[in-house]
Amino acid sequence: MPLKLLPAGAADAYRAAEIEHDAYAPSAFSSVMFPGPPPANAVGLRAVELAAELGADATMRWWKVVDTDLGPEDEPASLIAFAKWHLYEAGLRPSKPRSFGPGSNPEACTALFGGIDEMRSRLNRDRAFVRALGPRPA
């Protein structure tokens, strides 16, 4: 199982959305945060959202891990892990509020993720920081 860490791009968005869904959908936590019903083709919609974010946000960095035993590194089937990071320079802050999409529990999501964002802002103040975003279930 030879693994490679590589930059990811828009072509990896659908597989990344599949991995998010498979990793988080069965969780009891997800059933509170995202009780549903999920929209039709939730994975495809999430993939479109991910690809749009990549092009629109200069702070965002994507990485992928591929298993070259599963296929060439540019084939979706070889992608086994995905990470999305934001790199903020000193004084720069996230400019748009989070949205949680159809099937979400906006109150629960805002309470949890908004609280995390507020704490991060308070602790980081005007210092540069990296914000790792965990996957959002579809």
N, C-alpha and C. Protein backbone atom coordinates (compact mmCIF):
# COMPACT_ATOMS: atom_id res chain seq x y z
N MET A 1 0.84 -1.17 0.00
CA MET A 1 0.00 0.00 0.00
C MET A 1 0.89 1.24 0.00
N PRO A 2 1.49 1.61 -1.14
CA PRO A 2 2.29 2.82 -1.20
C PRO A 2 1.37 4.06 -1.21
N LEU A 3 1.54 4.92 -0.21
CA LEU A 3 0.71 6.12 -0.10
C LEU A 3 1.51 7.34 -0.52
N LYS A 4 0.81 8.29 -1.15
CA LYS A 4 1.42 9.56 -1.55
C LYS A 4 0.55 10.70 -1.08
N LEU A 5 1.17 11.74 -0.54
CA LEU A 5 0.49 12.97 -0.18
C LEU A 5 0.69 13.95 -1.32
N LEU A 6 -0.41 14.46 -1.87
CA LEU A 6 -0.35 15.33 -3.04
C LEU A 6 -1.33 16.48 -2.89
N PRO A 7 -1.07 17.59 -3.58
CA PRO A 7 -2.09 18.65 -3.63
C PRO A 7 -3.34 18.10 -4.33
N ALA A 8 -4.49 18.50 -3.87
CA ALA A 8 -5.75 18.08 -4.49
C ALA A 8 -6.34 19.26 -5.24
N GLY A 9 -7.22 18.97 -6.17
CA GLY A 9 -7.85 20.02 -6.96
C GLY A 9 -9.31 19.72 -7.20
N ALA A 10 -9.93 20.53 -8.03
CA ALA A 10 -11.36 20.42 -8.30
C ALA A 10 -11.74 19.04 -8.83
N ALA A 11 -10.85 18.41 -9.58
CA ALA A 11 -11.13 17.07 -10.12
C ALA A 11 -11.29 16.03 -9.02
N ASP A 12 -10.81 16.33 -7.81
CA ASP A 12 -10.89 15.42 -6.68
C ASP A 12 -12.13 15.66 -5.81
N ALA A 13 -12.92 16.66 -6.14
CA ALA A 13 -14.03 17.07 -5.28
C ALA A 13 -15.07 15.99 -5.09
N TYR A 14 -15.44 15.27 -6.14
CA TYR A 14 -16.49 14.26 -5.99
C TYR A 14 -16.03 13.14 -5.07
N ARG A 15 -14.83 12.65 -5.27
CA ARG A 15 -14.31 11.58 -4.41
C ARG A 15 -14.17 12.07 -2.97
N ALA A 16 -13.75 13.33 -2.78
CA ALA A 16 -13.65 13.90 -1.43
C ALA A 16 -15.02 13.92 -0.76
N ALA A 17 -16.05 14.29 -1.52
CA ALA A 17 -17.41 14.32 -0.97
C ALA A 17 -17.89 12.91 -0.62
N GLU A 18 -17.52 11.93 -1.43
CA GLU A 18 -17.87 10.54 -1.11
C GLU A 18 -17.21 10.10 0.20
N ILE A 19 -15.94 10.45 0.37
CA ILE A 19 -15.22 10.09 1.59
C ILE A 19 -15.86 10.75 2.81
N GLU A 20 -16.19 12.05 2.71
CA GLU A 20 -16.89 12.72 3.80
C GLU A 20 -18.16 11.98 4.18
N HIS A 21 -18.96 11.68 3.18
CA HIS A 21 -20.24 11.03 3.43
C HIS A 21 -20.04 9.68 4.10
N ASP A 22 -19.15 8.87 3.56
CA ASP A 22 -18.92 7.54 4.12
C ASP A 22 -18.36 7.59 5.54
N ALA A 23 -17.55 8.61 5.82
CA ALA A 23 -16.92 8.71 7.14
C ALA A 23 -17.86 9.25 8.21
N TYR A 24 -18.74 10.18 7.84
CA TYR A 24 -19.51 10.88 8.86
C TYR A 24 -21.00 10.58 8.89
N ALA A 25 -21.57 10.13 7.80
CA ALA A 25 -23.02 9.92 7.75
C ALA A 25 -23.54 8.94 8.80
N PRO A 26 -22.84 7.83 9.08
CA PRO A 26 -23.39 6.88 10.05
C PRO A 26 -23.24 7.31 11.52
N SER A 27 -22.60 8.43 11.79
CA SER A 27 -22.34 8.86 13.15
C SER A 27 -23.60 9.36 13.86
N ALA A 28 -23.73 9.05 15.15
CA ALA A 28 -24.85 9.57 15.95
C ALA A 28 -24.76 11.09 16.04
N PHE A 29 -23.55 11.62 16.09
CA PHE A 29 -23.33 13.06 16.13
C PHE A 29 -23.92 13.71 14.87
N SER A 30 -23.69 13.09 13.73
CA SER A 30 -24.21 13.63 12.46
C SER A 30 -25.73 13.63 12.44
N SER A 31 -26.35 12.66 13.11
CA SER A 31 -27.81 12.62 13.11
C SER A 31 -28.41 13.80 13.86
N VAL A 32 -27.66 14.40 14.77
CA VAL A 32 -28.12 15.60 15.47
C VAL A 32 -27.83 16.85 14.62
N MET A 33 -26.63 16.91 14.08
CA MET A 33 -26.22 18.09 13.32
C MET A 33 -26.88 18.16 11.94
N PHE A 34 -27.07 17.00 11.34
CA PHE A 34 -27.62 16.91 9.99
C PHE A 34 -28.71 15.83 9.95
N PRO A 35 -29.88 16.12 10.60
CA PRO A 35 -30.91 15.09 10.73
C PRO A 35 -31.61 14.72 9.43
N GLY A 36 -31.49 15.59 8.42
CA GLY A 36 -32.09 15.28 7.13
C GLY A 36 -33.50 15.83 7.01
N PRO A 37 -34.15 15.45 5.99
CA PRO A 37 -33.65 14.49 5.00
C PRO A 37 -32.59 15.14 4.12
N PRO A 38 -31.62 14.34 3.69
CA PRO A 38 -30.62 14.91 2.80
C PRO A 38 -31.23 15.19 1.42
N PRO A 39 -30.70 16.18 0.74
CA PRO A 39 -31.21 16.44 -0.61
C PRO A 39 -30.84 15.29 -1.54
N ALA A 40 -31.60 15.17 -2.63
CA ALA A 40 -31.25 14.17 -3.65
C ALA A 40 -29.85 14.50 -4.16
N ASN A 41 -29.06 13.48 -4.38
CA ASN A 41 -27.68 13.63 -4.85
C ASN A 41 -26.85 14.53 -3.93
N ALA A 42 -26.96 14.29 -2.64
CA ALA A 42 -26.24 15.10 -1.65
C ALA A 42 -24.73 15.08 -1.89
N VAL A 43 -24.19 13.94 -2.26
CA VAL A 43 -22.74 13.84 -2.50
C VAL A 43 -22.35 14.71 -3.69
N GLY A 44 -23.12 14.66 -4.76
CA GLY A 44 -22.83 15.48 -5.93
C GLY A 44 -22.93 16.97 -5.63
N LEU A 45 -23.94 17.35 -4.84
CA LEU A 45 -24.09 18.76 -4.45
C LEU A 45 -22.91 19.21 -3.60
N ARG A 46 -22.47 18.36 -2.68
CA ARG A 46 -21.32 18.70 -1.84
C ARG A 46 -20.06 18.84 -2.69
N ALA A 47 -19.91 17.98 -3.70
CA ALA A 47 -18.75 18.06 -4.58
C ALA A 47 -18.72 19.39 -5.33
N VAL A 48 -19.86 19.82 -5.81
CA VAL A 48 -19.94 21.12 -6.51
C VAL A 48 -19.57 22.25 -5.55
N GLU A 49 -20.08 22.16 -4.30
CA GLU A 49 -19.76 23.17 -3.28
C GLU A 49 -18.27 23.21 -2.98
N LEU A 50 -17.65 22.05 -2.82
CA LEU A 50 -16.21 21.98 -2.55
C LEU A 50 -15.41 22.61 -3.69
N ALA A 51 -15.73 22.24 -4.92
CA ALA A 51 -15.00 22.77 -6.08
C ALA A 51 -15.15 24.28 -6.18
N ALA A 52 -16.34 24.80 -5.89
CA ALA A 52 -16.57 26.24 -5.94
C ALA A 52 -15.76 26.96 -4.86
N GLU A 53 -15.68 26.37 -3.67
CA GLU A 53 -14.90 26.97 -2.58
C GLU A 53 -13.43 27.08 -2.96
N LEU A 54 -12.92 26.04 -3.60
CA LEU A 54 -11.50 26.02 -3.95
C LEU A 54 -11.15 27.19 -4.86
N GLY A 55 -12.00 27.47 -5.83
CA GLY A 55 -11.72 28.55 -6.76
C GLY A 55 -11.96 29.94 -6.18
N ALA A 56 -12.79 30.03 -5.15
CA ALA A 56 -13.21 31.32 -4.64
C ALA A 56 -12.45 31.80 -3.41
N ASP A 57 -11.67 30.94 -2.78
CA ASP A 57 -11.04 31.30 -1.51
C ASP A 57 -9.52 31.10 -1.59
N ALA A 58 -8.80 32.20 -1.66
CA ALA A 58 -7.34 32.14 -1.79
C ALA A 58 -6.65 31.60 -0.55
N THR A 59 -7.35 31.54 0.59
CA THR A 59 -6.73 31.01 1.81
C THR A 59 -6.76 29.48 1.84
N MET A 60 -7.55 28.87 0.98
CA MET A 60 -7.79 27.43 1.06
C MET A 60 -6.68 26.62 0.40
N ARG A 61 -6.34 25.52 1.07
CA ARG A 61 -5.39 24.55 0.55
C ARG A 61 -6.01 23.17 0.68
N TRP A 62 -5.91 22.38 -0.37
CA TRP A 62 -6.43 21.01 -0.35
C TRP A 62 -5.28 20.03 -0.49
N TRP A 63 -5.38 18.93 0.22
CA TRP A 63 -4.41 17.85 0.12
C TRP A 63 -5.15 16.54 0.01
N LYS A 64 -4.52 15.58 -0.64
CA LYS A 64 -5.10 14.26 -0.75
C LYS A 64 -4.03 13.21 -0.50
N VAL A 65 -4.48 12.04 -0.05
CA VAL A 65 -3.61 10.88 0.06
C VAL A 65 -4.15 9.87 -0.93
N VAL A 66 -3.25 9.37 -1.77
CA VAL A 66 -3.64 8.34 -2.74
C VAL A 66 -2.87 7.06 -2.43
N ASP A 67 -3.54 5.96 -2.70
CA ASP A 67 -2.92 4.64 -2.59
C ASP A 67 -2.64 4.18 -4.02
N THR A 68 -1.39 4.14 -4.41
CA THR A 68 -1.04 3.83 -5.79
C THR A 68 -1.28 2.36 -6.15
N ASP A 69 -1.56 1.51 -5.16
CA ASP A 69 -1.98 0.14 -5.47
C ASP A 69 -3.41 0.11 -6.02
N LEU A 70 -4.18 1.14 -5.72
CA LEU A 70 -5.58 1.20 -6.17
C LEU A 70 -5.72 1.80 -7.56
N GLY A 71 -4.67 2.38 -8.07
CA GLY A 71 -4.71 2.97 -9.41
C GLY A 71 -3.76 4.15 -9.49
N PRO A 72 -3.67 4.75 -10.67
CA PRO A 72 -2.81 5.92 -10.84
C PRO A 72 -3.23 7.06 -9.90
N GLU A 73 -2.28 7.89 -9.52
CA GLU A 73 -2.57 8.94 -8.53
C GLU A 73 -3.59 9.95 -9.00
N ASP A 74 -3.84 10.04 -10.30
CA ASP A 74 -4.84 10.99 -10.78
C ASP A 74 -6.22 10.34 -10.99
N GLU A 75 -6.37 9.09 -10.62
CA GLU A 75 -7.66 8.40 -10.72
C GLU A 75 -8.42 8.53 -9.41
N PRO A 76 -9.72 8.86 -9.46
CA PRO A 76 -10.49 9.02 -8.23
C PRO A 76 -10.44 7.80 -7.30
N ALA A 77 -10.39 6.60 -7.85
CA ALA A 77 -10.42 5.40 -7.01
C ALA A 77 -9.20 5.29 -6.11
N SER A 78 -8.09 5.96 -6.45
CA SER A 78 -6.89 5.87 -5.63
C SER A 78 -6.91 6.84 -4.45
N LEU A 79 -7.81 7.82 -4.46
CA LEU A 79 -7.90 8.82 -3.38
C LEU A 79 -8.54 8.18 -2.16
N ILE A 80 -7.80 8.14 -1.04
CA ILE A 80 -8.32 7.50 0.17
C ILE A 80 -8.49 8.46 1.34
N ALA A 81 -7.94 9.68 1.24
CA ALA A 81 -8.09 10.68 2.31
C ALA A 81 -7.97 12.06 1.71
N PHE A 82 -8.58 13.03 2.40
CA PHE A 82 -8.68 14.39 1.89
C PHE A 82 -8.65 15.36 3.07
N ALA A 83 -7.97 16.49 2.91
CA ALA A 83 -7.96 17.52 3.95
C ALA A 83 -8.10 18.89 3.31
N LYS A 84 -8.79 19.76 4.02
CA LYS A 84 -9.01 21.14 3.55
C LYS A 84 -8.54 22.06 4.67
N TRP A 85 -7.64 22.99 4.35
CA TRP A 85 -7.06 23.91 5.33
C TRP A 85 -7.23 25.34 4.85
N HIS A 86 -7.31 26.25 5.81
CA HIS A 86 -7.28 27.69 5.51
C HIS A 86 -6.05 28.27 6.20
N LEU A 87 -5.27 29.04 5.47
CA LEU A 87 -4.09 29.71 6.00
C LEU A 87 -4.40 31.20 6.08
N TYR A 88 -4.45 31.72 7.30
CA TYR A 88 -4.78 33.13 7.51
C TYR A 88 -3.55 33.88 7.97
N GLU A 89 -3.23 34.93 7.24
CA GLU A 89 -2.12 35.80 7.64
C GLU A 89 -2.58 36.65 8.82
N ALA A 90 -1.62 37.27 9.50
CA ALA A 90 -1.94 38.10 10.66
C ALA A 90 -3.01 39.12 10.31
N GLY A 91 -4.03 39.18 11.14
CA GLY A 91 -5.09 40.17 10.97
C GLY A 91 -6.19 39.73 10.01
N LEU A 92 -5.97 38.75 9.19
CA LEU A 92 -6.97 38.30 8.24
C LEU A 92 -7.89 37.30 8.92
N ARG A 93 -9.17 37.44 8.69
CA ARG A 93 -10.16 36.56 9.29
C ARG A 93 -11.09 36.00 8.23
N PRO A 94 -11.73 34.89 8.54
CA PRO A 94 -12.73 34.37 7.60
C PRO A 94 -13.76 35.45 7.30
N SER A 95 -14.09 35.62 6.03
CA SER A 95 -14.94 36.74 5.66
C SER A 95 -16.41 36.39 5.52
N LYS A 96 -16.74 35.14 5.37
CA LYS A 96 -18.15 34.81 5.21
C LYS A 96 -18.59 33.84 6.30
N PRO A 97 -19.83 33.99 6.74
CA PRO A 97 -20.33 33.05 7.75
C PRO A 97 -20.51 31.66 7.14
N ARG A 98 -20.46 30.69 7.99
CA ARG A 98 -20.66 29.32 7.52
C ARG A 98 -22.13 29.11 7.17
N SER A 99 -22.36 28.25 6.20
CA SER A 99 -23.72 27.81 5.91
C SER A 99 -23.71 26.29 5.99
N PHE A 100 -24.85 25.71 6.28
CA PHE A 100 -24.88 24.29 6.57
C PHE A 100 -25.74 23.47 5.61
N GLY A 101 -26.51 24.12 4.79
CA GLY A 101 -27.21 23.43 3.72
C GLY A 101 -28.47 22.69 4.12
N PRO A 102 -29.14 22.14 3.09
CA PRO A 102 -30.38 21.40 3.30
C PRO A 102 -30.14 20.16 4.16
N GLY A 103 -31.10 19.85 5.00
CA GLY A 103 -30.99 18.67 5.85
C GLY A 103 -30.23 18.91 7.14
N SER A 104 -29.74 20.14 7.32
CA SER A 104 -28.98 20.44 8.54
C SER A 104 -29.91 20.91 9.66
N ASN A 105 -29.37 20.93 10.86
CA ASN A 105 -30.02 21.53 12.01
C ASN A 105 -29.25 22.83 12.25
N PRO A 106 -29.68 23.94 11.62
CA PRO A 106 -28.89 25.18 11.69
C PRO A 106 -28.59 25.65 13.11
N GLU A 107 -29.54 25.48 14.04
CA GLU A 107 -29.30 25.91 15.43
C GLU A 107 -28.15 25.11 16.05
N ALA A 108 -28.17 23.80 15.90
CA ALA A 108 -27.11 22.97 16.47
C ALA A 108 -25.77 23.26 15.79
N CYS A 109 -25.78 23.38 14.48
CA CYS A 109 -24.54 23.64 13.74
C CYS A 109 -23.95 25.00 14.13
N THR A 110 -24.80 26.02 14.22
CA THR A 110 -24.32 27.35 14.60
C THR A 110 -23.79 27.34 16.03
N ALA A 111 -24.49 26.65 16.93
CA ALA A 111 -24.02 26.60 18.32
C ALA A 111 -22.64 25.94 18.40
N LEU A 112 -22.45 24.84 17.72
CA LEU A 112 -21.17 24.14 17.80
C LEU A 112 -20.10 24.84 16.98
N PHE A 113 -20.31 24.94 15.69
CA PHE A 113 -19.26 25.48 14.82
C PHE A 113 -19.06 26.98 15.03
N GLY A 114 -20.14 27.70 15.30
CA GLY A 114 -20.02 29.13 15.60
C GLY A 114 -19.24 29.35 16.88
N GLY A 115 -19.49 28.51 17.88
CA GLY A 115 -18.74 28.60 19.13
C GLY A 115 -17.26 28.33 18.92
N ILE A 116 -16.95 27.34 18.10
CA ILE A 116 -15.55 27.05 17.79
C ILE A 116 -14.91 28.24 17.08
N ASP A 117 -15.63 28.83 16.11
CA ASP A 117 -15.10 29.98 15.38
C ASP A 117 -14.86 31.17 16.32
N GLU A 118 -15.80 31.42 17.25
CA GLU A 118 -15.63 32.52 18.20
C GLU A 118 -14.42 32.30 19.09
N MET A 119 -14.24 31.07 19.58
CA MET A 119 -13.10 30.77 20.43
C MET A 119 -11.79 30.94 19.65
N ARG A 120 -11.77 30.45 18.42
CA ARG A 120 -10.57 30.57 17.59
C ARG A 120 -10.23 32.06 17.38
N SER A 121 -11.22 32.86 17.10
CA SER A 121 -11.01 34.29 16.88
C SER A 121 -10.47 34.96 18.15
N ARG A 122 -11.06 34.61 19.29
CA ARG A 122 -10.61 35.19 20.57
C ARG A 122 -9.18 34.78 20.88
N LEU A 123 -8.84 33.53 20.67
CA LEU A 123 -7.51 33.05 21.01
C LEU A 123 -6.43 33.51 20.02
N ASN A 124 -6.79 33.60 18.75
CA ASN A 124 -5.79 33.96 17.74
C ASN A 124 -5.64 35.47 17.56
N ARG A 125 -6.66 36.21 17.94
CA ARG A 125 -6.65 37.67 17.80
C ARG A 125 -6.09 38.08 16.44
N ASP A 126 -5.00 38.83 16.41
CA ASP A 126 -4.44 39.32 15.15
C ASP A 126 -3.26 38.50 14.67
N ARG A 127 -3.04 37.34 15.26
CA ARG A 127 -1.92 36.50 14.84
C ARG A 127 -2.31 35.67 13.62
N ALA A 128 -1.29 35.29 12.85
CA ALA A 128 -1.53 34.38 11.74
C ALA A 128 -1.90 33.01 12.29
N PHE A 129 -2.72 32.26 11.58
CA PHE A 129 -3.08 30.93 12.03
C PHE A 129 -3.57 30.09 10.86
N VAL A 130 -3.62 28.80 11.13
CA VAL A 130 -4.14 27.83 10.17
C VAL A 130 -5.41 27.27 10.76
N ARG A 131 -6.45 27.18 9.95
CA ARG A 131 -7.71 26.60 10.39
C ARG A 131 -7.97 25.34 9.57
N ALA A 132 -7.97 24.21 10.23
CA ALA A 132 -8.30 22.96 9.56
C ALA A 132 -9.80 22.75 9.73
N LEU A 133 -10.45 22.47 8.64
CA LEU A 133 -11.88 22.24 8.66
C LEU A 133 -12.15 20.77 8.49
N GLY A 134 -12.85 20.21 9.44
CA GLY A 134 -13.24 18.82 9.28
C GLY A 134 -14.33 18.70 8.22
N PRO A 135 -14.52 17.53 7.73
CA PRO A 135 -15.54 17.31 6.71
C PRO A 135 -16.93 17.63 7.23
N ARG A 136 -17.76 18.02 6.35
CA ARG A 136 -19.17 18.25 6.68
C ARG A 136 -19.99 17.15 6.04
N PRO A 137 -20.75 16.42 6.80
CA PRO A 137 -21.55 15.34 6.22
C PRO A 137 -22.50 15.85 5.16
N ALA A 138 -22.73 15.03 4.19
CA ALA A 138 -23.65 15.40 3.11
C ALA A 138 -25.06 15.03 3.50
